[in-house]
Amino acid sequence: MERGPSLGREFGWLWTAYATSTVGTWFALDAFPLIAIRLLHSSPAQVSLLSAAGLAGAALIAIPLGPWVDRRRKRPVMIGADVLRFAVLLSLPVAHLAGALTFLHLVLVSIVVAASNVVFTAASGACLKALVRPEHLLSANGRFESTMWTATALGPPSGGLAMGAFGPLVTTVVNAVSFLLSAFGIRAMGGEDAPPAPRTARPFRPGDLLDGWRRILGHPTLRLLFFNTTLVNGLIMATAPLLAVLLLRDLGFTPWQYGLAFGVPCLGGLVGSRLSRRLVPRYGQRRVMVVSGALRACWLVGLAFVRPGPWGLVLVILVEFGLVTCVGVFNPVLATYRLAHSPADQVARVLSAWSITSSATIAALTAGWGLLAAVTGPRTAVAAAGVLILGTAFLLPYRRRLAAPDPVPAADRV
């Protein structure tokens, strides 16, 4: 197998930090809903409210942070976001041990963690663009994607076992420690940090908060991809808490089975992320994004037919495997195109705007689907999302030529 290009020591530390925090995050998959369900005895509507409120609150907090991140060195921002996530996550087991854990506390922690995620993603994107040459961005993004899906495949089954044996708060502690280790990794990078955007003579204006959206909506292809990914992610994530209720409560799946159902299929994401680095040089960015983007919309409806027992578990695994394989191909190609077409001094604003809109959309759809599930049941709500997501295939650049600054060289294939 061909080896990818060497991306340098600094990228190696960034990659290590990302891998550490990603393993922790997926080890604690759905810890918040499980804490709400098992420790606080929350209803399905409250579980959906937890996800929606966290994302909506984070979106409001993060709106002014894109320009703020652009004007600062990126590594201190990333370290600060990691340390903050460590502290607030650790507050949950502390409160539980003190007998003071409440649903409001859980919501506030979810808001802070989600807002920190937006800040970290924006800063790390700008950091990555400064570290890696343009012709190697696809390889770098592919490695991040492969790492994410590997962690997703390994984390949920082991996290599910840990939750079953020790409860969801143990996985929350592991997740908190992973962010602290990530901060140490970023601190160890050394070298030159990504420079902040140049400060202009004029003072900061409220209109600057909209620069990221202006850049996205002013670019014809980014605009299509923006609406497509926002809706796809929103509809997939809106069903996540409902699936937790459907599988764990209604169908009697155990925590380890739940973790297995969503962990094993992530091997497909690992395969897809590696395929993307071979497919793009052969077929081009546009064709790969269109085909994989359309295919990833075809799977969600299958989860509406899940039944109890082993065959129900097999169905979830097969549907999720198809979905995440297509996502694994699509995501690194999208991330590479988005970075390549974001000016260096606006990367944080573009990524913040993208993340904020995604978070707000997920929040709105999660709240809406929670209400729909309260009326019709979780299974019907999942089916509705599966049917609607099919329409997102029309929001892909079928006929538009993609501007590609540099072709991906053969040496960049893995």
Protein backbone atom coordinates (compact mmCIF):
# COMPACT_ATOMS: atom_id res chain seq x y z
CA MET A 1 0.00 0.00 0.00
CA GLU A 2 1.28 3.48 -0.87
CA ARG A 3 2.24 5.71 1.97
CA GLY A 4 0.90 9.24 2.13
CA PRO A 5 3.17 12.27 2.15
CA SER A 6 5.03 13.25 5.30
CA LEU A 7 3.15 16.22 6.75
CA GLY A 8 5.69 17.16 9.41
CA ARG A 9 6.15 17.04 13.16
CA GLU A 10 3.68 19.82 13.95
CA PHE A 11 0.93 18.09 12.00
CA GLY A 12 1.80 14.87 13.82
CA TRP A 13 1.14 16.50 17.20
CA LEU A 14 -2.07 18.11 15.90
CA TRP A 15 -3.20 14.74 14.60
CA THR A 16 -2.32 13.07 17.93
CA ALA A 17 -4.26 15.69 19.89
CA TYR A 18 -7.25 15.25 17.58
CA ALA A 19 -7.08 11.45 17.89
CA THR A 20 -6.95 11.60 21.70
CA SER A 21 -9.98 13.86 22.10
CA THR A 22 -11.90 12.00 19.38
CA VAL A 23 -11.40 8.65 21.11
CA GLY A 24 -12.66 10.19 24.36
CA THR A 25 -15.67 11.75 22.65
CA TRP A 26 -16.77 8.53 20.97
CA PHE A 27 -16.03 6.44 24.06
CA ALA A 28 -18.66 8.65 25.73
CA LEU A 29 -21.14 8.37 22.84
CA ASP A 30 -24.58 9.59 23.92
CA ALA A 31 -23.45 9.95 27.53
CA PHE A 32 -25.66 13.03 27.98
CA PRO A 33 -28.89 11.31 26.82
CA LEU A 34 -28.01 8.24 28.89
CA ILE A 35 -27.37 10.38 31.97
CA ALA A 36 -30.75 12.03 31.36
CA ILE A 37 -32.54 8.72 30.82
CA ARG A 38 -30.92 6.55 33.47
CA LEU A 39 -29.92 8.96 36.25
CA LEU A 40 -32.45 11.79 35.89
CA HIS A 41 -35.34 9.66 34.49
CA SER A 42 -36.06 12.18 31.74
CA SER A 43 -38.83 11.77 29.18
CA PRO A 44 -38.22 11.46 25.39
CA ALA A 45 -39.22 15.13 24.99
CA GLN A 46 -36.67 16.15 27.63
CA VAL A 47 -33.94 14.09 25.94
CA SER A 48 -34.63 15.88 22.65
CA LEU A 49 -34.77 19.20 24.51
CA LEU A 50 -31.35 18.45 26.00
CA SER A 51 -29.79 18.02 22.56
CA ALA A 52 -31.65 20.97 21.06
CA ALA A 53 -30.98 23.39 23.92
CA GLY A 54 -27.29 22.57 24.00
CA LEU A 55 -26.84 23.20 20.29
CA ALA A 56 -29.03 26.31 20.18
CA GLY A 57 -27.29 27.88 23.16
CA ALA A 58 -23.89 27.06 21.70
CA ALA A 59 -24.86 28.64 18.38
CA LEU A 60 -25.82 31.91 20.07
CA ILE A 61 -22.62 31.98 22.11
CA ALA A 62 -20.43 31.12 19.13
CA ILE A 63 -21.73 33.81 16.73
CA PRO A 64 -19.23 36.49 17.84
CA LEU A 65 -16.40 33.99 18.23
CA GLY A 66 -15.54 33.44 14.54
CA PRO A 67 -14.08 36.94 14.01
CA TRP A 68 -12.56 36.76 17.50
CA VAL A 69 -10.72 33.52 16.64
CA ASP A 70 -9.48 34.95 13.33
CA ARG A 71 -7.85 37.83 15.21
CA ARG A 72 -5.93 35.59 17.61
CA ARG A 73 -3.24 32.95 17.57
CA LYS A 74 -4.95 29.64 17.01
CA ARG A 75 -3.10 27.28 19.35
CA PRO A 76 -3.85 29.17 22.60
CA VAL A 77 -7.50 29.28 21.53
CA MET A 78 -7.50 25.51 20.94
CA ILE A 79 -5.81 24.83 24.28
CA GLY A 80 -8.32 27.06 26.07
CA ALA A 81 -11.26 25.27 24.44
CA ASP A 82 -9.82 21.90 25.50
CA VAL A 83 -9.25 22.96 29.10
CA LEU A 84 -12.75 24.44 29.34
CA ARG A 85 -14.31 21.21 28.06
CA PHE A 86 -12.27 19.22 30.58
CA ALA A 87 -13.48 21.38 33.48
CA VAL A 88 -17.20 21.46 32.66
CA LEU A 89 -17.40 17.73 31.88
CA LEU A 90 -15.69 16.90 35.17
CA SER A 91 -18.34 18.97 36.98
CA LEU A 92 -20.99 16.32 36.15
CA PRO A 93 -19.58 13.42 38.22
CA VAL A 94 -18.63 15.86 40.98
CA ALA A 95 -22.24 17.12 41.14
CA HIS A 96 -23.58 13.55 41.06
CA LEU A 97 -21.36 12.48 43.94
CA ALA A 98 -22.60 15.51 45.88
CA GLY A 99 -26.23 14.61 45.12
CA ALA A 100 -26.68 17.89 43.24
CA LEU A 101 -26.87 16.79 39.60
CA THR A 102 -29.87 18.33 37.82
CA PHE A 103 -31.28 18.43 34.32
CA LEU A 104 -30.44 22.17 34.09
CA HIS A 105 -26.81 21.44 35.00
CA LEU A 106 -26.68 18.85 32.22
CA VAL A 107 -28.12 21.34 29.71
CA LEU A 108 -25.61 24.06 30.69
CA VAL A 109 -22.69 21.64 30.34
CA SER A 110 -23.93 20.59 26.91
CA ILE A 111 -24.08 24.26 25.83
CA VAL A 112 -20.53 25.00 26.98
CA VAL A 113 -19.13 21.84 25.39
CA ALA A 114 -20.91 22.51 22.10
CA ALA A 115 -19.74 26.15 22.00
CA SER A 116 -16.18 25.04 22.74
CA ASN A 117 -16.45 22.52 19.91
CA VAL A 118 -17.30 25.33 17.48
CA VAL A 119 -14.36 27.44 18.66
CA PHE A 120 -11.92 24.52 18.52
CA THR A 121 -13.09 23.46 15.04
CA ALA A 122 -12.70 27.00 13.68
CA ALA A 123 -9.23 27.46 15.16
CA SER A 124 -8.00 24.00 14.16
CA GLY A 125 -9.14 24.51 10.56
CA ALA A 126 -7.12 27.70 10.30
CA CYS A 127 -4.20 25.95 11.99
CA LEU A 128 -4.37 23.05 9.53
CA LYS A 129 -4.44 25.33 6.49
CA ALA A 130 -1.30 27.11 7.76
CA LEU A 131 0.51 23.81 8.50
CA VAL A 132 -0.20 21.82 5.33
CA ARG A 133 0.51 22.66 1.72
CA PRO A 134 -2.62 22.96 -0.47
CA GLU A 135 -1.82 19.85 -2.49
CA HIS A 136 -1.68 17.81 0.74
CA LEU A 137 -4.92 19.05 2.31
CA LEU A 138 -6.94 16.09 1.03
CA SER A 139 -4.45 13.66 2.55
CA ALA A 140 -4.51 15.56 5.88
CA ASN A 141 -8.31 15.70 5.97
CA GLY A 142 -8.46 12.04 4.99
CA ARG A 143 -6.25 11.15 7.94
CA PHE A 144 -8.47 13.10 10.32
CA GLU A 145 -11.53 11.40 8.85
CA SER A 146 -9.93 7.94 9.13
CA THR A 147 -9.01 8.66 12.74
CA MET A 148 -12.51 9.82 13.53
CA TRP A 149 -14.12 6.71 12.10
CA THR A 150 -11.58 4.40 13.76
CA ALA A 151 -12.34 6.04 17.10
CA THR A 152 -16.05 5.82 16.35
CA ALA A 153 -15.76 2.11 15.59
CA LEU A 154 -13.80 1.32 18.75
CA GLY A 155 -15.25 3.87 21.18
CA PRO A 156 -18.99 3.09 21.31
CA PRO A 157 -18.68 -0.68 21.93
CA SER A 158 -16.10 -0.22 24.70
CA GLY A 159 -17.96 2.82 26.00
CA GLY A 160 -21.21 0.86 25.96
CA LEU A 161 -19.60 -1.89 28.04
CA ALA A 162 -18.23 0.70 30.47
CA MET A 163 -21.63 2.39 30.74
CA GLY A 164 -23.30 -0.94 31.39
CA ALA A 165 -20.81 -1.82 34.10
CA PHE A 166 -20.13 1.54 35.72
CA GLY A 167 -22.71 4.02 34.38
CA PRO A 168 -22.43 6.88 31.89
CA LEU A 169 -20.57 9.21 34.26
CA VAL A 170 -17.44 7.06 34.04
CA THR A 171 -17.25 7.60 30.28
CA THR A 172 -17.78 11.32 30.88
CA VAL A 173 -14.65 11.38 33.06
CA VAL A 174 -12.67 9.59 30.33
CA ASN A 175 -13.91 12.14 27.80
CA ALA A 176 -12.89 15.02 30.08
CA VAL A 177 -9.37 13.62 30.49
CA SER A 178 -9.06 13.18 26.72
CA PHE A 179 -9.52 16.94 26.25
CA LEU A 180 -6.84 17.66 28.80
CA LEU A 181 -4.43 15.32 26.97
CA SER A 182 -5.37 17.02 23.70
CA ALA A 183 -4.38 20.38 25.20
CA PHE A 184 -0.98 18.94 26.13
CA GLY A 185 -0.57 17.64 22.57
CA ILE A 186 -1.28 21.03 21.03
CA ARG A 187 1.10 22.64 23.51
CA ALA A 188 3.82 20.21 22.38
CA MET A 189 3.50 21.14 18.69
CA GLY A 190 6.14 23.86 18.85
CA GLY A 191 7.06 25.75 15.68
CA GLU A 192 5.20 28.75 14.36
CA ASP A 193 1.53 29.26 15.07
CA ALA A 194 -0.94 30.24 12.37
CA PRO A 195 -0.79 34.05 12.24
CA PRO A 196 -3.93 35.97 13.22
CA ALA A 197 -5.80 37.99 10.64
CA PRO A 198 -4.26 41.46 10.27
CA ARG A 199 -5.91 44.06 12.43
CA THR A 200 -7.46 46.87 10.46
CA ALA A 201 -7.50 50.49 11.43
CA ARG A 202 -11.27 50.55 11.81
CA PRO A 203 -12.82 49.13 15.00
CA PHE A 204 -14.72 45.89 15.08
CA ARG A 205 -18.26 46.25 13.77
CA PRO A 206 -21.29 44.00 14.39
CA GLY A 207 -21.51 43.43 10.64
CA ASP A 208 -18.19 41.58 10.79
CA LEU A 209 -20.03 38.72 12.49
CA LEU A 210 -21.68 37.96 9.15
CA ASP A 211 -18.46 37.73 7.12
CA GLY A 212 -18.41 33.93 7.25
CA TRP A 213 -21.95 33.64 5.92
CA ARG A 214 -21.23 36.25 3.22
CA ARG A 215 -18.28 34.23 2.03
CA ILE A 216 -20.26 30.98 1.95
CA LEU A 217 -23.40 32.37 0.33
CA GLY A 218 -21.39 34.40 -2.17
CA HIS A 219 -19.66 31.30 -3.53
CA PRO A 220 -22.06 29.31 -5.77
CA THR A 221 -20.68 25.86 -5.01
CA LEU A 222 -20.05 26.43 -1.29
CA ARG A 223 -23.62 27.72 -1.02
CA LEU A 224 -25.07 24.48 -2.42
CA LEU A 225 -22.83 22.32 -0.25
CA PHE A 226 -23.65 24.46 2.78
CA PHE A 227 -27.39 23.90 2.47
CA ASN A 228 -26.93 20.23 1.62
CA THR A 229 -24.67 19.35 4.56
CA THR A 230 -26.66 21.46 7.01
CA LEU A 231 -29.90 19.64 6.20
CA VAL A 232 -28.34 16.18 5.99
CA ASN A 233 -26.54 16.54 9.31
CA GLY A 234 -29.60 18.11 10.89
CA LEU A 235 -31.94 15.30 9.89
CA ILE A 236 -29.47 12.58 10.90
CA MET A 237 -28.75 14.15 14.27
CA ALA A 238 -32.42 14.91 14.94
CA THR A 239 -33.06 11.17 14.97
CA ALA A 240 -30.14 10.32 17.30
CA PRO A 241 -31.95 10.88 20.64
CA LEU A 242 -35.07 9.23 19.24
CA LEU A 243 -33.07 6.18 18.22
CA ALA A 244 -31.60 6.03 21.73
CA VAL A 245 -35.13 5.97 23.16
CA LEU A 246 -36.40 3.52 20.50
CA LEU A 247 -33.55 1.05 20.89
CA LEU A 248 -32.82 1.30 24.62
CA ARG A 249 -36.31 1.77 25.98
CA ASP A 250 -38.86 0.50 23.46
CA LEU A 251 -36.94 -2.39 21.87
CA GLY A 252 -34.94 -3.43 24.94
CA PHE A 253 -31.44 -3.17 23.51
CA THR A 254 -28.71 -3.19 26.17
CA PRO A 255 -26.08 -0.41 26.30
CA TRP A 256 -23.39 -2.68 24.83
CA GLN A 257 -25.69 -3.67 21.95
CA TYR A 258 -26.47 0.00 21.35
CA GLY A 259 -22.76 0.80 21.28
CA LEU A 260 -22.11 -2.15 18.96
CA ALA A 261 -24.89 -1.10 16.59
CA PHE A 262 -23.36 2.32 16.04
CA GLY A 263 -19.70 1.38 16.50
CA VAL A 264 -19.08 -1.52 14.11
CA PRO A 265 -20.58 0.27 11.05
CA CYS A 266 -18.03 3.05 11.49
CA LEU A 267 -15.48 0.73 9.92
CA GLY A 268 -17.30 1.75 6.75
CA GLY A 269 -16.35 5.36 7.44
CA LEU A 270 -12.71 4.29 7.72
CA VAL A 271 -12.98 2.55 4.35
CA GLY A 272 -14.73 5.54 2.81
CA SER A 273 -12.19 8.08 4.05
CA ARG A 274 -9.36 6.05 2.56
CA LEU A 275 -11.25 5.60 -0.71
CA SER A 276 -11.74 9.36 -1.05
CA ARG A 277 -8.01 9.90 -1.49
CA ARG A 278 -8.00 7.44 -4.40
CA LEU A 279 -11.28 8.47 -5.99
CA VAL A 280 -10.65 12.22 -6.26
CA PRO A 281 -7.52 11.99 -8.44
CA ARG A 282 -9.29 9.51 -10.69
CA TYR A 283 -12.79 10.98 -10.96
CA GLY A 284 -12.47 14.57 -9.72
CA GLN A 285 -13.87 16.46 -6.73
CA ARG A 286 -17.27 17.25 -8.21
CA ARG A 287 -18.18 13.72 -9.25
CA VAL A 288 -17.01 12.20 -5.96
CA MET A 289 -18.93 14.77 -3.89
CA VAL A 290 -22.10 14.42 -5.96
CA VAL A 291 -22.19 10.61 -5.98
CA SER A 292 -21.20 10.08 -2.35
CA GLY A 293 -23.39 13.01 -1.25
CA ALA A 294 -26.44 11.60 -2.99
CA LEU A 295 -25.85 8.06 -1.74
CA ARG A 296 -25.50 9.14 1.89
CA ALA A 297 -29.11 10.40 1.79
CA CYS A 298 -30.55 6.97 0.95
CA TRP A 299 -30.00 5.05 4.17
CA LEU A 300 -31.72 6.74 7.10
CA VAL A 301 -35.22 5.55 6.25
CA GLY A 302 -34.11 1.96 6.82
CA LEU A 303 -33.84 2.58 10.58
CA ALA A 304 -37.62 2.95 10.76
CA PHE A 305 -37.94 -0.82 10.21
CA VAL A 306 -35.80 -1.94 13.17
CA ARG A 307 -37.31 -4.70 15.32
CA PRO A 308 -36.17 -6.22 18.62
CA GLY A 309 -33.80 -9.12 18.70
CA PRO A 310 -30.64 -10.12 16.80
CA TRP A 311 -32.03 -9.36 13.34
CA GLY A 312 -32.95 -5.88 14.44
CA LEU A 313 -29.36 -5.36 15.55
CA VAL A 314 -28.11 -6.67 12.19
CA LEU A 315 -30.40 -4.25 10.33
CA VAL A 316 -29.09 -1.26 12.29
CA ILE A 317 -25.51 -2.30 11.60
CA LEU A 318 -26.11 -2.73 7.85
CA VAL A 319 -27.97 0.57 7.45
CA GLU A 320 -25.40 2.48 9.47
CA PHE A 321 -22.53 0.85 7.58
CA GLY A 322 -23.91 2.06 4.25
CA LEU A 323 -24.55 5.54 5.62
CA VAL A 324 -21.17 6.09 7.22
CA THR A 325 -19.25 4.67 4.24
CA CYS A 326 -20.79 7.32 2.01
CA VAL A 327 -20.20 9.99 4.65
CA GLY A 328 -16.58 8.83 4.98
CA VAL A 329 -16.01 9.47 1.28
CA PHE A 330 -17.90 12.78 1.21
CA ASN A 331 -16.56 14.56 4.31
CA PRO A 332 -12.81 14.85 3.57
CA VAL A 333 -13.51 15.97 0.01
CA LEU A 334 -15.91 18.64 1.27
CA ALA A 335 -13.48 19.74 4.01
CA THR A 336 -10.64 20.06 1.50
CA TYR A 337 -12.72 22.05 -0.96
CA ARG A 338 -14.03 24.34 1.78
CA LEU A 339 -10.54 25.11 3.12
CA ALA A 340 -9.14 25.65 -0.36
CA HIS A 341 -11.84 28.23 -1.13
CA SER A 342 -11.73 30.09 2.20
CA PRO A 343 -9.22 33.00 2.38
CA ALA A 344 -6.55 32.39 5.01
CA ASP A 345 -7.69 35.38 7.07
CA GLN A 346 -11.34 34.22 7.02
CA VAL A 347 -11.05 30.46 7.63
CA ALA A 348 -12.20 30.69 11.25
CA ARG A 349 -15.17 32.85 10.28
CA VAL A 350 -16.23 30.48 7.50
CA LEU A 351 -15.90 27.40 9.69
CA SER A 352 -17.65 29.13 12.60
CA ALA A 353 -20.54 30.21 10.38
CA TRP A 354 -20.80 26.69 9.01
CA SER A 355 -20.73 25.11 12.48
CA ILE A 356 -23.13 27.64 13.98
CA THR A 357 -25.69 27.12 11.22
CA SER A 358 -25.31 23.37 11.51
CA SER A 359 -25.76 23.51 15.28
CA ALA A 360 -28.79 25.79 15.06
CA THR A 361 -30.38 23.60 12.39
CA ILE A 362 -29.73 20.44 14.37
CA ALA A 363 -31.21 22.12 17.45
CA ALA A 364 -34.36 23.20 15.61
CA LEU A 365 -34.85 19.85 13.90
CA THR A 366 -34.11 17.91 17.08
CA ALA A 367 -36.69 19.94 18.99
CA GLY A 368 -39.21 19.52 16.19
CA TRP A 369 -38.60 15.80 15.89
CA GLY A 370 -38.89 15.44 19.64
CA LEU A 371 -42.35 16.95 19.48
CA LEU A 372 -43.22 14.80 16.48
CA ALA A 373 -42.09 11.70 18.38
CA ALA A 374 -44.20 12.71 21.36
CA VAL A 375 -47.26 12.70 19.08
CA THR A 376 -46.52 9.84 16.68
CA GLY A 377 -43.81 7.79 18.42
CA PRO A 378 -40.05 7.56 17.81
CA ARG A 379 -40.36 5.08 14.91
CA THR A 380 -42.67 7.30 12.85
CA ALA A 381 -40.50 10.34 13.49
CA VAL A 382 -37.40 8.45 12.28
CA ALA A 383 -39.28 7.38 9.15
CA ALA A 384 -40.29 10.98 8.41
CA ALA A 385 -36.67 12.12 8.66
CA GLY A 386 -35.59 9.28 6.38
CA VAL A 387 -38.07 10.31 3.69
CA LEU A 388 -37.23 14.03 3.89
CA ILE A 389 -33.47 13.51 3.71
CA LEU A 390 -33.89 12.01 0.24
CA GLY A 391 -34.66 15.50 -1.09
CA THR A 392 -31.24 16.83 -0.05
CA ALA A 393 -29.69 15.01 -3.02
CA PHE A 394 -31.00 17.85 -5.20
CA LEU A 395 -28.77 20.33 -3.31
CA LEU A 396 -25.53 19.06 -4.84
CA PRO A 397 -23.41 20.66 -7.61
CA TYR A 398 -24.45 18.30 -10.40
CA ARG A 399 -23.70 20.63 -13.31
CA ARG A 400 -21.44 23.24 -11.78
CA ARG A 401 -17.72 23.06 -12.51
CA LEU A 402 -15.67 23.12 -9.32
CA ALA A 403 -12.80 25.55 -9.20
CA ALA A 404 -9.81 23.54 -8.01
CA PRO A 405 -6.69 25.59 -7.25
CA ASP A 406 -4.36 22.60 -7.50
CA PRO A 407 -4.92 19.02 -8.64
CA VAL A 408 -4.19 16.30 -6.11
CA PRO A 409 -0.85 14.73 -7.10
CA ALA A 410 -0.29 11.00 -7.23
CA ALA A 411 2.01 11.26 -4.22
CA ASP A 412 -0.92 12.39 -2.10
CA ARG A 413 -2.76 9.08 -2.45
CA VAL A 414 -2.87 6.65 0.45
